[in-house]
Amino acid sequence: MSDDKTKTGGQDRELISLSEDYEARDWAEKFGVSEKALRDAVARVGNRAEDVQRELGGR
């Protein structure tokens, strides 16, 4: 199923999806880290944005 880009909010703000390049790029930019650092953090703590932000030092 394709990602419906007209529906935003809710889970889109809580969970980090690395399946789409633009999402990984946008989350990395939001946290001020490289995509590799983002992917490494997600691998360590899961895809909840709050947990990843905490793992990356609260940036």
N, C-alpha and C. Protein backbone atom coordinates (compact mmCIF):
# COMPACT_ATOMS: atom_id res chain seq x y z
N MET A 1 0.84 -1.17 0.00
CA MET A 1 0.00 0.00 0.00
C MET A 1 0.90 1.24 0.00
N SER A 2 0.55 2.19 -0.79
CA SER A 2 1.37 3.40 -0.87
C SER A 2 1.04 4.36 0.27
N ASP A 3 1.97 5.21 0.56
CA ASP A 3 1.85 6.20 1.62
C ASP A 3 0.92 7.32 1.16
N ASP A 4 -0.16 7.58 1.91
CA ASP A 4 -1.09 8.65 1.55
C ASP A 4 -0.57 9.96 2.12
N LYS A 5 0.04 10.77 1.28
CA LYS A 5 0.68 12.00 1.72
C LYS A 5 -0.32 13.10 2.06
N THR A 6 -1.62 12.87 1.79
CA THR A 6 -2.63 13.87 2.16
C THR A 6 -3.05 13.72 3.60
N LYS A 7 -2.74 12.58 4.21
CA LYS A 7 -3.09 12.35 5.61
C LYS A 7 -1.83 12.50 6.46
N THR A 8 -1.78 13.59 7.22
CA THR A 8 -0.61 13.84 8.07
C THR A 8 -1.06 13.97 9.51
N GLY A 9 -0.10 13.96 10.41
CA GLY A 9 -0.42 14.08 11.82
C GLY A 9 -0.53 12.72 12.46
N GLY A 10 -0.99 12.70 13.69
CA GLY A 10 -1.16 11.44 14.40
C GLY A 10 0.11 10.63 14.42
N GLN A 11 0.02 9.40 13.96
CA GLN A 11 1.17 8.51 13.98
C GLN A 11 2.32 9.02 13.14
N ASP A 12 2.05 9.78 12.09
CA ASP A 12 3.13 10.30 11.27
C ASP A 12 4.10 11.14 12.09
N ARG A 13 3.63 11.76 13.14
CA ARG A 13 4.49 12.59 13.99
C ARG A 13 5.16 11.78 15.09
N GLU A 14 4.62 10.60 15.39
CA GLU A 14 5.12 9.80 16.50
C GLU A 14 6.11 8.72 16.07
N LEU A 15 5.98 8.25 14.84
CA LEU A 15 6.79 7.12 14.38
C LEU A 15 7.66 7.52 13.20
N ILE A 16 8.88 7.03 13.20
CA ILE A 16 9.82 7.31 12.12
C ILE A 16 9.81 6.13 11.17
N SER A 17 9.48 6.40 9.92
CA SER A 17 9.51 5.38 8.88
C SER A 17 10.74 5.61 8.02
N LEU A 18 11.56 4.59 7.89
CA LEU A 18 12.76 4.70 7.07
C LEU A 18 12.57 4.03 5.71
N SER A 19 11.34 3.62 5.40
CA SER A 19 11.08 2.93 4.15
C SER A 19 11.06 3.86 2.94
N GLU A 20 10.84 5.14 3.18
CA GLU A 20 10.84 6.13 2.10
C GLU A 20 12.03 7.07 2.30
N ASP A 21 12.79 7.29 1.24
CA ASP A 21 13.99 8.13 1.34
C ASP A 21 13.67 9.54 1.85
N TYR A 22 12.56 10.12 1.38
CA TYR A 22 12.23 11.48 1.80
C TYR A 22 11.91 11.54 3.29
N GLU A 23 11.33 10.48 3.83
CA GLU A 23 11.03 10.49 5.26
C GLU A 23 12.31 10.43 6.09
N ALA A 24 13.23 9.56 5.69
CA ALA A 24 14.52 9.47 6.40
C ALA A 24 15.24 10.81 6.31
N ARG A 25 15.23 11.43 5.14
CA ARG A 25 15.89 12.73 4.96
C ARG A 25 15.25 13.79 5.85
N ASP A 26 13.92 13.83 5.88
CA ASP A 26 13.21 14.85 6.67
C ASP A 26 13.44 14.67 8.17
N TRP A 27 13.40 13.42 8.65
CA TRP A 27 13.64 13.18 10.07
C TRP A 27 15.08 13.52 10.44
N ALA A 28 16.03 13.14 9.59
CA ALA A 28 17.44 13.46 9.86
C ALA A 28 17.63 14.97 9.94
N GLU A 29 17.00 15.69 9.03
CA GLU A 29 17.10 17.15 9.04
C GLU A 29 16.47 17.73 10.31
N LYS A 30 15.33 17.19 10.70
CA LYS A 30 14.64 17.67 11.92
C LYS A 30 15.55 17.52 13.14
N PHE A 31 16.25 16.39 13.23
CA PHE A 31 17.11 16.14 14.39
C PHE A 31 18.52 16.69 14.21
N GLY A 32 18.85 17.19 13.02
CA GLY A 32 20.16 17.76 12.79
C GLY A 32 21.28 16.74 12.75
N VAL A 33 20.97 15.56 12.19
CA VAL A 33 21.95 14.48 12.11
C VAL A 33 21.98 13.93 10.68
N SER A 34 22.96 13.09 10.41
CA SER A 34 23.02 12.43 9.09
C SER A 34 21.97 11.32 9.05
N GLU A 35 21.63 10.89 7.84
CA GLU A 35 20.68 9.79 7.70
C GLU A 35 21.24 8.52 8.34
N LYS A 36 22.55 8.32 8.24
CA LYS A 36 23.16 7.14 8.86
C LYS A 36 23.00 7.18 10.37
N ALA A 37 23.22 8.35 10.98
CA ALA A 37 23.06 8.47 12.43
C ALA A 37 21.61 8.21 12.82
N LEU A 38 20.68 8.70 12.02
CA LEU A 38 19.26 8.45 12.28
C LEU A 38 18.96 6.96 12.20
N ARG A 39 19.41 6.32 11.12
CA ARG A 39 19.15 4.88 10.95
C ARG A 39 19.77 4.07 12.08
N ASP A 40 20.96 4.44 12.51
CA ASP A 40 21.62 3.75 13.63
C ASP A 40 20.82 3.91 14.92
N ALA A 41 20.32 5.11 15.17
CA ALA A 41 19.52 5.38 16.37
C ALA A 41 18.23 4.57 16.34
N VAL A 42 17.57 4.52 15.20
CA VAL A 42 16.34 3.74 15.07
C VAL A 42 16.62 2.26 15.30
N ALA A 43 17.75 1.78 14.81
CA ALA A 43 18.12 0.38 15.01
C ALA A 43 18.33 0.08 16.50
N ARG A 44 18.85 1.06 17.24
CA ARG A 44 19.11 0.86 18.67
C ARG A 44 17.87 0.95 19.53
N VAL A 45 16.99 1.93 19.25
CA VAL A 45 15.89 2.20 20.19
C VAL A 45 14.50 2.02 19.61
N GLY A 46 14.39 1.72 18.33
CA GLY A 46 13.07 1.58 17.71
C GLY A 46 12.68 2.84 16.97
N ASN A 47 11.45 2.87 16.46
CA ASN A 47 11.06 3.96 15.57
C ASN A 47 10.19 5.04 16.21
N ARG A 48 10.02 5.03 17.51
CA ARG A 48 9.27 6.12 18.15
C ARG A 48 10.14 7.37 18.14
N ALA A 49 9.58 8.45 17.58
CA ALA A 49 10.33 9.69 17.41
C ALA A 49 10.89 10.20 18.74
N GLU A 50 10.10 10.11 19.80
CA GLU A 50 10.55 10.58 21.12
C GLU A 50 11.78 9.83 21.59
N ASP A 51 11.78 8.50 21.41
CA ASP A 51 12.91 7.68 21.82
C ASP A 51 14.15 7.98 20.99
N VAL A 52 13.95 8.16 19.70
CA VAL A 52 15.08 8.46 18.81
C VAL A 52 15.66 9.82 19.16
N GLN A 53 14.82 10.79 19.42
CA GLN A 53 15.29 12.12 19.79
C GLN A 53 16.11 12.05 21.07
N ARG A 54 15.63 11.30 22.04
CA ARG A 54 16.36 11.14 23.30
C ARG A 54 17.71 10.47 23.06
N GLU A 55 17.73 9.43 22.19
CA GLU A 55 18.96 8.71 21.86
C GLU A 55 19.98 9.62 21.18
N LEU A 56 19.48 10.55 20.39
CA LEU A 56 20.38 11.46 19.66
C LEU A 56 20.78 12.67 20.51
N GLY A 57 20.44 12.66 21.75
CA GLY A 57 20.87 13.71 22.65
C GLY A 57 19.90 14.88 22.74
N GLY A 58 18.65 14.65 22.37
CA GLY A 58 17.64 15.68 22.50
C GLY A 58 17.77 16.83 21.52
N ARG A 59 18.43 16.61 20.42
CA ARG A 59 18.64 17.67 19.43
C ARG A 59 17.34 18.11 18.82
